[in-house]
Protein backbone atom coordinates (compact mmCIF):
# COMPACT_ATOMS: atom_id res chain seq x y z
CA MET A 1 107.47 125.37 99.30
CA THR A 2 104.19 123.48 99.65
CA GLN A 3 103.78 123.55 95.88
CA GLN A 4 107.29 122.13 95.44
CA VAL A 5 106.52 119.30 97.84
CA GLY A 6 103.29 118.64 95.95
CA LEU A 7 105.16 118.50 92.65
CA ARG A 8 107.76 116.12 94.07
CA GLU A 9 105.06 113.82 95.42
CA GLN A 10 103.23 113.86 92.10
CA LYS A 11 106.47 113.02 90.30
CA LYS A 12 106.94 110.04 92.61
CA ILE A 13 103.39 108.89 91.97
CA ASP A 14 103.88 109.22 88.21
CA THR A 15 107.18 107.33 88.33
CA ARG A 16 105.67 104.55 90.41
CA ARG A 17 102.72 104.26 88.04
CA ARG A 18 104.97 104.22 84.97
CA ILE A 19 107.18 101.48 86.41
CA GLN A 20 104.20 99.32 87.30
CA ASP A 21 102.46 99.86 83.96
CA VAL A 22 105.61 98.82 82.12
CA ALA A 23 106.08 95.79 84.37
CA LEU A 24 102.50 94.58 83.94
CA THR A 25 102.71 94.96 80.18
CA LEU A 26 105.91 92.91 80.07
CA PHE A 27 104.55 90.28 82.47
CA ALA A 28 101.35 89.95 80.42
CA ASP A 29 103.37 89.45 77.23
CA ARG A 30 106.13 87.16 78.50
CA GLY A 31 105.03 85.87 81.88
CA PHE A 32 106.19 86.94 85.32
CA ASP A 33 109.19 84.59 85.32
CA GLY A 34 110.19 85.61 81.80
CA VAL A 35 110.97 89.22 82.73
CA THR A 36 113.76 90.59 84.92
CA VAL A 37 113.69 93.72 87.04
CA THR A 38 116.54 95.05 84.91
CA GLU A 39 114.34 94.77 81.83
CA VAL A 40 111.49 96.53 83.61
CA ALA A 41 113.85 99.34 84.63
CA ARG A 42 115.22 99.73 81.12
CA GLU A 43 111.76 99.92 79.54
CA ALA A 44 110.58 102.39 82.20
CA GLY A 45 113.64 104.61 81.75
CA VAL A 46 114.90 104.22 85.32
CA SER A 47 117.60 102.27 87.13
CA PRO A 48 116.98 98.89 88.81
CA ALA A 49 117.69 100.63 92.13
CA THR A 50 114.84 103.04 91.44
CA VAL A 51 112.49 100.13 90.76
CA PHE A 52 113.41 98.61 94.12
CA ASN A 53 112.95 101.97 95.85
CA TYR A 54 109.30 101.86 94.85
CA PHE A 55 108.78 98.09 94.86
CA PRO A 56 110.97 96.20 97.37
CA THR A 57 110.54 92.88 95.54
CA LYS A 58 109.71 91.84 92.00
CA GLU A 59 106.44 90.37 93.28
CA ASP A 60 105.45 93.79 94.63
CA LEU A 61 105.26 95.07 91.07
CA VAL A 62 102.07 93.01 90.82
CA LEU A 63 100.88 92.57 94.41
CA HIS A 64 101.72 95.84 96.16
CA GLY A 65 98.04 96.82 96.05
CA MET A 66 97.03 93.73 98.00
CA ALA A 67 99.68 94.34 100.65
CA GLU A 68 98.70 98.00 100.96
CA TYR A 69 95.04 97.05 101.30
CA GLY A 70 95.88 94.74 104.18
CA GLU A 71 97.90 97.45 105.90
CA ARG A 72 95.11 100.01 105.48
CA LEU A 73 92.55 97.53 106.76
CA ILE A 74 94.49 96.85 109.95
CA ALA A 75 95.16 100.57 110.48
CA THR A 76 91.45 101.32 110.07
CA LEU A 77 90.48 98.64 112.57
CA ARG A 78 93.04 99.87 115.10
CA ASP A 79 91.57 103.36 114.81
CA ARG A 80 87.95 102.22 115.11
CA ALA A 81 85.56 104.29 117.19
CA PRO A 82 85.33 103.44 120.90
CA GLY A 83 82.69 100.81 121.52
CA THR A 84 82.86 99.45 117.98
CA SER A 85 83.77 95.79 117.70
CA VAL A 86 86.60 94.71 115.41
CA LEU A 87 84.22 92.70 113.22
CA GLY A 88 81.76 95.59 113.15
CA ALA A 89 84.49 97.93 111.91
CA PHE A 90 85.64 95.24 109.48
CA ARG A 91 82.12 94.99 108.04
CA ALA A 92 81.87 98.76 107.62
CA HIS A 93 85.25 98.82 105.89
CA LEU A 94 84.17 96.14 103.42
CA LEU A 95 81.01 98.07 102.50
CA GLU A 96 82.96 101.18 101.43
CA PRO A 97 83.57 101.16 97.64
CA ARG A 98 87.23 101.74 96.83
CA GLY A 99 89.66 101.10 94.01
CA LEU A 100 87.98 99.46 91.04
CA LEU A 101 84.62 99.41 92.84
CA ALA A 102 84.65 103.21 92.89
CA ASP A 103 85.79 103.50 89.26
CA ASP A 104 83.55 102.91 86.24
CA ASP A 105 86.38 103.32 83.73
CA PRO A 106 86.48 100.16 81.56
CA ARG A 107 90.27 100.52 81.40
CA ALA A 108 90.45 99.93 85.15
CA THR A 109 88.42 96.76 84.74
CA ALA A 110 90.65 95.55 81.91
CA GLY A 111 93.73 96.25 84.03
CA LEU A 112 92.35 94.18 86.89
CA VAL A 113 91.65 91.26 84.57
CA ARG A 114 95.21 91.46 83.29
CA VAL A 115 96.63 91.40 86.82
CA ARG A 116 94.58 88.34 87.76
CA GLU A 117 95.78 86.51 84.64
CA ILE A 118 99.40 87.31 85.51
CA ILE A 119 98.94 86.03 89.07
CA ALA A 120 97.12 82.89 87.97
CA ALA A 121 100.00 81.97 85.64
CA SER A 122 102.75 82.40 88.27
CA PRO A 123 103.32 80.00 91.19
CA ALA A 124 105.63 82.59 92.77
CA LEU A 125 102.91 85.24 92.75
CA ARG A 126 100.27 82.87 94.06
CA ALA A 127 102.59 81.88 96.92
CA ARG A 128 103.29 85.53 97.74
CA GLU A 129 99.56 86.25 97.65
CA LEU A 130 99.01 83.59 100.32
CA LEU A 131 101.81 85.02 102.48
CA ILE A 132 100.25 88.48 102.34
CA ALA A 133 96.88 87.05 103.36
CA GLU A 134 98.49 85.15 106.24
CA ALA A 135 100.24 88.30 107.47
CA THR A 136 96.95 90.21 107.42
CA ALA A 137 95.22 87.38 109.28
CA THR A 138 97.94 87.40 111.95
CA ASP A 139 97.53 91.14 112.56
CA LEU A 140 93.75 90.81 112.54
CA ALA A 141 93.87 87.95 115.05
CA GLU A 142 95.74 90.19 117.49
CA LEU A 143 92.96 92.77 117.25
CA LEU A 144 90.18 90.19 117.49
CA ALA A 145 91.73 88.80 120.67
CA GLU A 146 90.69 92.08 122.30
CA ASP A 147 87.03 91.26 121.59
CA SER A 148 87.18 87.45 121.67
CA PRO A 149 89.60 86.06 124.25
CA GLY A 150 91.40 82.91 123.19
CA ALA A 151 94.18 82.61 120.63
CA ILE A 152 92.56 79.83 118.63
CA ARG A 153 89.19 81.56 118.54
CA ALA A 154 90.74 84.85 117.42
CA ARG A 155 92.89 83.17 114.78
CA ALA A 156 89.94 81.19 113.42
CA LEU A 157 87.84 84.34 113.15
CA ALA A 158 90.69 86.26 111.51
CA THR A 159 91.31 83.51 108.98
CA ALA A 160 87.61 83.42 108.14
CA ALA A 161 87.45 87.21 107.81
CA VAL A 162 90.46 87.35 105.50
CA GLY A 163 88.92 84.47 103.57
CA ILE A 164 85.88 86.66 102.97
CA THR A 165 88.06 89.41 101.49
CA GLN A 166 89.78 86.84 99.27
CA ALA A 167 86.45 85.45 98.10
CA MET A 168 85.24 88.97 97.35
CA THR A 169 88.42 89.71 95.40
CA LEU A 170 88.04 86.59 93.28
CA GLU A 171 84.40 87.43 92.60
CA VAL A 172 85.36 90.97 91.60
CA HIS A 173 87.88 89.54 89.15
CA ARG A 174 85.35 87.05 87.77
CA LEU A 175 82.74 89.74 87.22
CA ALA A 176 85.30 92.12 85.71
CA ALA A 177 86.16 89.44 83.16
CA THR A 178 82.51 89.46 82.03
CA GLY A 179 82.77 93.16 81.17
CA LEU A 180 81.04 94.65 84.21
CA THR A 181 82.59 97.82 85.59
CA GLY A 182 83.03 99.13 89.11
CA ALA A 183 79.61 100.32 90.23
CA ALA A 184 77.81 97.26 88.86
CA ILE A 185 80.32 94.93 90.49
CA ALA A 186 80.02 96.78 93.80
CA THR A 187 76.25 96.28 93.93
CA ILE A 188 76.81 92.52 93.74
CA VAL A 189 79.97 91.94 95.74
CA LEU A 190 79.67 94.35 98.67
CA PRO A 191 76.29 93.13 99.99
CA GLU A 192 77.40 89.51 99.68
CA GLY A 193 80.59 90.27 101.57
CA ALA A 194 78.67 92.04 104.32
CA ALA A 195 76.28 89.10 104.60
CA ALA A 196 79.24 86.75 105.02
CA VAL A 197 80.61 88.90 107.85
CA ASP A 198 77.16 88.86 109.45
CA VAL A 199 77.42 85.06 109.60
CA LEU A 200 80.69 85.45 111.52
CA ILE A 201 79.17 87.97 113.90
CA ARG A 202 76.15 85.76 114.58
CA GLY A 203 78.52 82.87 115.19
CA LEU A 204 79.93 84.76 118.17
CA ALA A 205 76.61 84.51 120.02
CA PRO A 206 76.72 82.21 123.07
CA ILE A 207 75.64 78.64 122.41
CA PRO A 208 72.53 77.74 124.47
CA ALA A 209 73.32 75.35 127.30
CA GLU A 210 72.31 71.75 126.76
CA PRO A 211 69.61 70.50 129.15
CA ASP A 212 71.16 68.45 131.93
CA GLY A 213 68.68 65.65 131.48
CA ASP A 214 67.57 65.65 135.13
CA GLY A 215 64.10 67.04 134.45
CA PRO A 216 60.92 65.05 133.86
CA THR A 217 60.61 63.13 130.61
């Protein structure tokens, strides 16, 4: 029974991967707006309904990884060890190589470059990318409010933190386009990302009180 479940799950993974690979190939050739979900389904050998079972929207065919990353990030921060600050857990999460940064296969790097080119050429995808980032920032702000009371303060910190992940992503894409692969990119991007989070953490330190001016001059 367990083996059957494992086979079913693997079949789902394979189907999902095949659909996305077909979609990205079509989008790279004809542009995101020049391809319909029906065409993706036909080329992948499935029905349009099956495509939507795996990818709720057409944009998810390209951006599902970003949305899943945001969800995993928030889940990790919610499950942080007692006594660990949200930003401390966020920093630790950023320093863990994953995805491309844990893969030295040049094909993975080439695939990432292709995805970035597809996104850059599509206003719809760029808009969806911003919405995903905003949703992650909203969830992160709720968690940060536990450590840093004040809605504006928490939202500002969350927006800055998500901005760091976006900056890291863009730098990963830029370096991938130069031909570097995962491990080499990780040695550059991860320390810089951690240093940026350190700036946020230091910014939480209390501001020294201004002298009241009543003392001797």
